[in-house]
Amino acid sequence: MLTDIIREHITREQLKQFAHNTFVDLVKAVVDIERGIMAVGGELHADEETVLLEDGSKQINLWGINLYPDKTGEDFVEFDSMINLRPSQGNRSRGVNDPAIQQQIIAVVNKLLAS
């Protein structure tokens, strides 16, 4: 599976195509909250994380999520990924425990997803 770095707006239809190519109803994504970009299309969040690290991202800024293109509101973004397990950053679960980081992630997703 090919992982793409999203730096500019994409449509919900394009996001649905990523879902269709992978998991049918969801897209795994890794968001760089510092750079305001995200990687999508990988089979594993770790694959997308690697692509972003190779592109110059710092691991401390990378968070794994799942996007559900056919859903809206709070159901659209799921904060769940093994890469989020970071005891050294105080995140001891697969989720994103810090509401401020959750808001940063949502802000990046909203910026990149064209209405």
N, C-alpha and C. Protein backbone atom coordinates (compact mmCIF):
# COMPACT_ATOMS: atom_id res chain seq x y z
N MET A 1 0.83 -1.18 0.00
CA MET A 1 0.00 0.00 0.00
C MET A 1 0.88 1.24 0.00
N LEU A 2 0.43 2.21 -0.74
CA LEU A 2 1.19 3.44 -0.89
C LEU A 2 0.73 4.47 0.14
N THR A 3 1.67 5.02 0.87
CA THR A 3 1.38 6.07 1.84
C THR A 3 1.62 7.42 1.20
N ASP A 4 0.66 8.32 1.32
CA ASP A 4 0.78 9.67 0.79
C ASP A 4 0.88 10.66 1.94
N ILE A 5 1.70 11.68 1.75
CA ILE A 5 1.75 12.79 2.70
C ILE A 5 0.80 13.86 2.18
N ILE A 6 -0.14 14.24 3.01
CA ILE A 6 -1.12 15.26 2.65
C ILE A 6 -0.64 16.59 3.20
N ARG A 7 -0.33 17.49 2.28
CA ARG A 7 0.15 18.83 2.65
C ARG A 7 -0.85 19.91 2.28
N GLU A 8 -1.74 19.59 1.36
CA GLU A 8 -2.75 20.52 0.86
C GLU A 8 -4.12 19.89 1.04
N HIS A 9 -5.14 20.65 0.76
CA HIS A 9 -6.52 20.16 0.89
C HIS A 9 -6.77 18.90 0.08
N ILE A 10 -7.51 17.99 0.68
CA ILE A 10 -8.06 16.85 -0.04
C ILE A 10 -9.56 16.84 0.22
N THR A 11 -10.29 16.21 -0.67
CA THR A 11 -11.74 16.15 -0.51
C THR A 11 -12.14 14.92 0.28
N ARG A 12 -13.35 14.92 0.76
CA ARG A 12 -13.87 13.75 1.46
C ARG A 12 -13.94 12.56 0.49
N GLU A 13 -14.21 12.84 -0.79
CA GLU A 13 -14.24 11.77 -1.79
C GLU A 13 -12.86 11.14 -1.96
N GLN A 14 -11.81 11.96 -1.96
CA GLN A 14 -10.45 11.42 -2.03
C GLN A 14 -10.15 10.58 -0.79
N LEU A 15 -10.60 11.04 0.35
CA LEU A 15 -10.41 10.28 1.59
C LEU A 15 -11.15 8.94 1.51
N LYS A 16 -12.35 8.96 0.93
CA LYS A 16 -13.11 7.72 0.75
C LYS A 16 -12.36 6.75 -0.16
N GLN A 17 -11.66 7.28 -1.15
CA GLN A 17 -10.88 6.42 -2.04
C GLN A 17 -9.73 5.75 -1.28
N PHE A 18 -9.07 6.49 -0.40
CA PHE A 18 -8.04 5.87 0.45
C PHE A 18 -8.65 4.76 1.28
N ALA A 19 -9.84 5.00 1.83
CA ALA A 19 -10.51 3.97 2.63
C ALA A 19 -10.82 2.75 1.78
N HIS A 20 -11.35 2.99 0.59
CA HIS A 20 -11.70 1.88 -0.31
C HIS A 20 -10.47 1.04 -0.65
N ASN A 21 -9.32 1.68 -0.78
CA ASN A 21 -8.09 0.98 -1.15
C ASN A 21 -7.48 0.20 0.01
N THR A 22 -7.94 0.47 1.23
CA THR A 22 -7.33 -0.19 2.39
C THR A 22 -8.36 -0.95 3.22
N PHE A 23 -9.06 -0.26 4.10
CA PHE A 23 -9.91 -0.91 5.09
C PHE A 23 -11.41 -0.72 4.84
N VAL A 24 -11.78 -0.25 3.69
CA VAL A 24 -13.15 -0.03 3.24
C VAL A 24 -13.83 1.14 3.94
N ASP A 25 -13.91 1.13 5.26
CA ASP A 25 -14.67 2.18 5.94
C ASP A 25 -13.81 3.14 6.77
N LEU A 26 -12.50 2.89 6.83
CA LEU A 26 -11.64 3.78 7.62
C LEU A 26 -10.31 3.99 6.92
N VAL A 27 -9.70 5.11 7.28
CA VAL A 27 -8.36 5.46 6.79
C VAL A 27 -7.47 5.63 8.00
N LYS A 28 -6.37 4.90 8.03
CA LYS A 28 -5.38 5.13 9.08
C LYS A 28 -4.59 6.37 8.67
N ALA A 29 -4.31 7.21 9.65
CA ALA A 29 -3.57 8.44 9.38
C ALA A 29 -2.64 8.72 10.54
N VAL A 30 -1.53 9.38 10.24
CA VAL A 30 -0.63 9.89 11.27
C VAL A 30 -0.50 11.39 11.02
N VAL A 31 -0.78 12.16 12.06
CA VAL A 31 -0.80 13.61 11.98
C VAL A 31 0.45 14.18 12.64
N ASP A 32 1.11 15.10 11.94
CA ASP A 32 2.21 15.87 12.52
C ASP A 32 1.61 17.19 12.99
N ILE A 33 1.43 17.33 14.29
CA ILE A 33 0.76 18.52 14.82
C ILE A 33 1.64 19.77 14.73
N GLU A 34 2.93 19.62 14.58
CA GLU A 34 3.83 20.76 14.45
C GLU A 34 3.85 21.29 13.02
N ARG A 35 3.95 20.38 12.06
CA ARG A 35 4.06 20.77 10.65
C ARG A 35 2.72 20.94 9.96
N GLY A 36 1.65 20.47 10.57
CA GLY A 36 0.32 20.62 9.99
C GLY A 36 0.09 19.76 8.77
N ILE A 37 0.68 18.56 8.77
CA ILE A 37 0.51 17.62 7.66
C ILE A 37 0.10 16.27 8.22
N MET A 38 -0.31 15.37 7.32
CA MET A 38 -0.61 14.02 7.77
C MET A 38 -0.29 13.03 6.67
N ALA A 39 -0.01 11.80 7.07
CA ALA A 39 0.22 10.71 6.13
C ALA A 39 -0.99 9.79 6.19
N VAL A 40 -1.43 9.33 5.03
CA VAL A 40 -2.58 8.43 4.94
C VAL A 40 -2.28 7.32 3.94
N GLY A 41 -3.05 6.26 4.03
CA GLY A 41 -2.97 5.21 3.03
C GLY A 41 -2.16 4.00 3.41
N GLY A 42 -1.51 4.02 4.54
CA GLY A 42 -0.69 2.88 4.95
C GLY A 42 -1.53 1.80 5.61
N GLU A 43 -0.98 0.62 5.64
CA GLU A 43 -1.66 -0.49 6.31
C GLU A 43 -1.52 -0.37 7.82
N LEU A 44 -0.39 0.18 8.26
CA LEU A 44 -0.13 0.36 9.69
C LEU A 44 0.21 1.82 9.96
N HIS A 45 -0.18 2.30 11.13
CA HIS A 45 0.23 3.65 11.52
C HIS A 45 1.75 3.77 11.53
N ALA A 46 2.42 2.69 11.91
CA ALA A 46 3.89 2.71 11.96
C ALA A 46 4.50 2.98 10.58
N ASP A 47 3.86 2.48 9.52
CA ASP A 47 4.34 2.75 8.16
C ASP A 47 4.24 4.23 7.84
N GLU A 48 3.12 4.82 8.20
CA GLU A 48 2.92 6.25 7.94
C GLU A 48 3.85 7.10 8.80
N GLU A 49 4.05 6.67 10.03
CA GLU A 49 4.99 7.36 10.92
C GLU A 49 6.38 7.37 10.30
N THR A 50 6.81 6.24 9.76
CA THR A 50 8.13 6.14 9.14
C THR A 50 8.26 7.10 7.96
N VAL A 51 7.23 7.19 7.14
CA VAL A 51 7.25 8.10 5.99
C VAL A 51 7.41 9.54 6.45
N LEU A 52 6.68 9.92 7.50
CA LEU A 52 6.79 11.29 8.00
C LEU A 52 8.15 11.55 8.65
N LEU A 53 8.69 10.58 9.37
CA LEU A 53 10.02 10.75 9.96
C LEU A 53 11.07 10.94 8.87
N GLU A 54 10.95 10.18 7.81
CA GLU A 54 11.89 10.31 6.69
C GLU A 54 11.73 11.65 5.98
N ASP A 55 10.56 12.27 6.12
CA ASP A 55 10.28 13.57 5.51
C ASP A 55 10.69 14.73 6.41
N GLY A 56 11.17 14.43 7.61
CA GLY A 56 11.66 15.48 8.49
C GLY A 56 10.84 15.73 9.74
N SER A 57 9.78 14.98 9.94
CA SER A 57 8.98 15.15 11.15
C SER A 57 9.73 14.62 12.37
N LYS A 58 9.32 15.11 13.53
CA LYS A 58 9.87 14.62 14.79
C LYS A 58 8.83 13.73 15.45
N GLN A 59 9.27 12.61 15.98
CA GLN A 59 8.36 11.61 16.53
C GLN A 59 7.46 12.18 17.62
N ILE A 60 7.96 13.10 18.40
CA ILE A 60 7.19 13.70 19.50
C ILE A 60 5.92 14.39 19.00
N ASN A 61 5.90 14.78 17.72
CA ASN A 61 4.77 15.51 17.14
C ASN A 61 3.81 14.61 16.36
N LEU A 62 4.08 13.32 16.29
CA LEU A 62 3.29 12.42 15.46
C LEU A 62 2.28 11.63 16.29
N TRP A 63 1.04 11.62 15.82
CA TRP A 63 -0.04 10.94 16.52
C TRP A 63 -0.88 10.16 15.53
N GLY A 64 -1.18 8.92 15.88
CA GLY A 64 -1.96 8.04 15.01
C GLY A 64 -3.45 8.14 15.29
N ILE A 65 -4.21 8.20 14.20
CA ILE A 65 -5.67 8.27 14.30
C ILE A 65 -6.29 7.41 13.20
N ASN A 66 -7.59 7.20 13.31
CA ASN A 66 -8.37 6.58 12.25
C ASN A 66 -9.43 7.59 11.83
N LEU A 67 -9.63 7.71 10.53
CA LEU A 67 -10.65 8.60 9.99
C LEU A 67 -11.73 7.75 9.34
N TYR A 68 -12.98 8.09 9.58
CA TYR A 68 -14.13 7.38 9.02
C TYR A 68 -14.85 8.33 8.06
N PRO A 69 -14.51 8.27 6.76
CA PRO A 69 -15.02 9.25 5.79
C PRO A 69 -16.53 9.35 5.69
N ASP A 70 -17.26 8.29 6.02
CA ASP A 70 -18.72 8.32 5.92
C ASP A 70 -19.39 8.82 7.20
N LYS A 71 -18.60 9.16 8.20
CA LYS A 71 -19.16 9.64 9.47
C LYS A 71 -18.86 11.12 9.64
N THR A 72 -19.57 11.74 10.56
CA THR A 72 -19.37 13.16 10.83
C THR A 72 -19.24 13.37 12.33
N GLY A 73 -18.93 14.61 12.70
CA GLY A 73 -18.83 14.97 14.11
C GLY A 73 -17.77 14.18 14.84
N GLU A 74 -18.04 13.83 16.08
CA GLU A 74 -17.07 13.12 16.90
C GLU A 74 -16.76 11.72 16.39
N ASP A 75 -17.66 11.16 15.58
CA ASP A 75 -17.45 9.81 15.04
C ASP A 75 -16.46 9.79 13.88
N PHE A 76 -16.12 10.95 13.33
CA PHE A 76 -15.23 11.03 12.17
C PHE A 76 -13.78 10.66 12.53
N VAL A 77 -13.30 11.11 13.69
CA VAL A 77 -11.92 10.87 14.11
C VAL A 77 -11.90 9.95 15.32
N GLU A 78 -11.07 8.91 15.23
CA GLU A 78 -10.87 7.99 16.35
C GLU A 78 -9.40 8.07 16.76
N PHE A 79 -9.15 8.38 18.02
CA PHE A 79 -7.80 8.50 18.54
C PHE A 79 -7.34 7.14 19.04
N ASP A 80 -6.85 6.30 18.14
CA ASP A 80 -6.47 4.94 18.52
C ASP A 80 -5.34 4.44 17.64
N SER A 81 -4.18 4.25 18.24
CA SER A 81 -3.03 3.73 17.51
C SER A 81 -1.95 3.28 18.49
N MET A 82 -1.28 2.20 18.12
CA MET A 82 -0.16 1.72 18.94
C MET A 82 0.95 2.77 19.04
N ILE A 83 1.12 3.59 18.01
CA ILE A 83 2.21 4.58 18.05
C ILE A 83 1.96 5.66 19.10
N ASN A 84 0.72 5.73 19.62
CA ASN A 84 0.40 6.72 20.64
C ASN A 84 0.85 6.31 22.03
N LEU A 85 1.25 5.06 22.21
CA LEU A 85 1.76 4.62 23.52
C LEU A 85 3.10 5.30 23.77
N ARG A 86 3.09 6.30 24.66
CA ARG A 86 4.29 7.07 24.94
C ARG A 86 4.39 7.41 26.41
N PRO A 87 4.81 6.47 27.21
CA PRO A 87 4.95 6.76 28.64
C PRO A 87 5.86 7.96 28.92
N SER A 88 6.88 8.15 28.10
CA SER A 88 7.81 9.26 28.33
C SER A 88 7.13 10.61 28.12
N GLN A 89 6.01 10.64 27.39
CA GLN A 89 5.25 11.86 27.18
C GLN A 89 3.97 11.87 28.01
N GLY A 90 3.85 10.91 28.91
CA GLY A 90 2.68 10.84 29.75
C GLY A 90 1.45 10.23 29.09
N ASN A 91 1.61 9.66 27.91
CA ASN A 91 0.49 9.03 27.21
C ASN A 91 0.65 7.52 27.33
N ARG A 92 -0.13 6.92 28.22
CA ARG A 92 0.03 5.51 28.53
C ARG A 92 -1.05 4.63 27.91
N SER A 93 -1.67 5.11 26.84
CA SER A 93 -2.69 4.31 26.16
C SER A 93 -2.55 4.46 24.65
N ARG A 94 -3.34 3.68 23.94
CA ARG A 94 -3.36 3.78 22.48
C ARG A 94 -4.10 5.04 22.03
N GLY A 95 -4.85 5.63 22.91
CA GLY A 95 -5.57 6.85 22.60
C GLY A 95 -4.67 8.06 22.74
N VAL A 96 -5.26 9.23 22.61
CA VAL A 96 -4.54 10.48 22.86
C VAL A 96 -5.19 11.07 24.10
N ASN A 97 -4.48 11.03 25.22
CA ASN A 97 -5.07 11.38 26.51
C ASN A 97 -5.20 12.88 26.74
N ASP A 98 -4.35 13.68 26.12
CA ASP A 98 -4.34 15.12 26.34
C ASP A 98 -5.36 15.80 25.42
N PRO A 99 -6.40 16.42 25.99
CA PRO A 99 -7.40 17.10 25.16
C PRO A 99 -6.81 18.20 24.27
N ALA A 100 -5.75 18.85 24.72
CA ALA A 100 -5.12 19.90 23.90
C ALA A 100 -4.49 19.29 22.65
N ILE A 101 -3.86 18.14 22.79
CA ILE A 101 -3.28 17.46 21.62
C ILE A 101 -4.40 16.97 20.71
N GLN A 102 -5.47 16.46 21.28
CA GLN A 102 -6.62 16.05 20.46
C GLN A 102 -7.11 17.22 19.62
N GLN A 103 -7.21 18.39 20.21
CA GLN A 103 -7.67 19.57 19.49
C GLN A 103 -6.69 19.97 18.38
N GLN A 104 -5.38 19.83 18.64
CA GLN A 104 -4.39 20.13 17.61
C GLN A 104 -4.54 19.16 16.43
N ILE A 105 -4.76 17.89 16.74
CA ILE A 105 -4.95 16.88 15.69
C ILE A 105 -6.17 17.23 14.85
N ILE A 106 -7.28 17.51 15.51
CA ILE A 106 -8.51 17.85 14.80
C ILE A 106 -8.32 19.10 13.95
N ALA A 107 -7.59 20.09 14.46
CA ALA A 107 -7.34 21.31 13.70
C ALA A 107 -6.58 21.01 12.41
N VAL A 108 -5.57 20.13 12.48
CA VAL A 108 -4.82 19.76 11.28
C VAL A 108 -5.72 19.02 10.30
N VAL A 109 -6.50 18.07 10.79
CA VAL A 109 -7.41 17.31 9.91
C VAL A 109 -8.40 18.27 9.25
N ASN A 110 -8.98 19.16 10.01
CA ASN A 110 -9.95 20.11 9.45
C ASN A 110 -9.30 21.04 8.43
N LYS A 111 -8.06 21.43 8.68
CA LYS A 111 -7.35 22.31 7.73
C LYS A 111 -7.11 21.59 6.41
N LEU A 112 -6.79 20.31 6.49
CA LEU A 112 -6.43 19.56 5.27
C LEU A 112 -7.63 19.00 4.53
N LEU A 113 -8.76 18.84 5.21
CA LEU A 113 -9.93 18.27 4.58
C LEU A 113 -10.82 19.40 4.07
N ALA A 114 -10.89 19.53 2.75
CA ALA A 114 -11.70 20.57 2.14
C ALA A 114 -13.18 20.31 2.43
N SER A 115 -13.90 21.35 2.72
CA SER A 115 -15.33 21.22 3.02
C SER A 115 -16.12 20.89 1.78
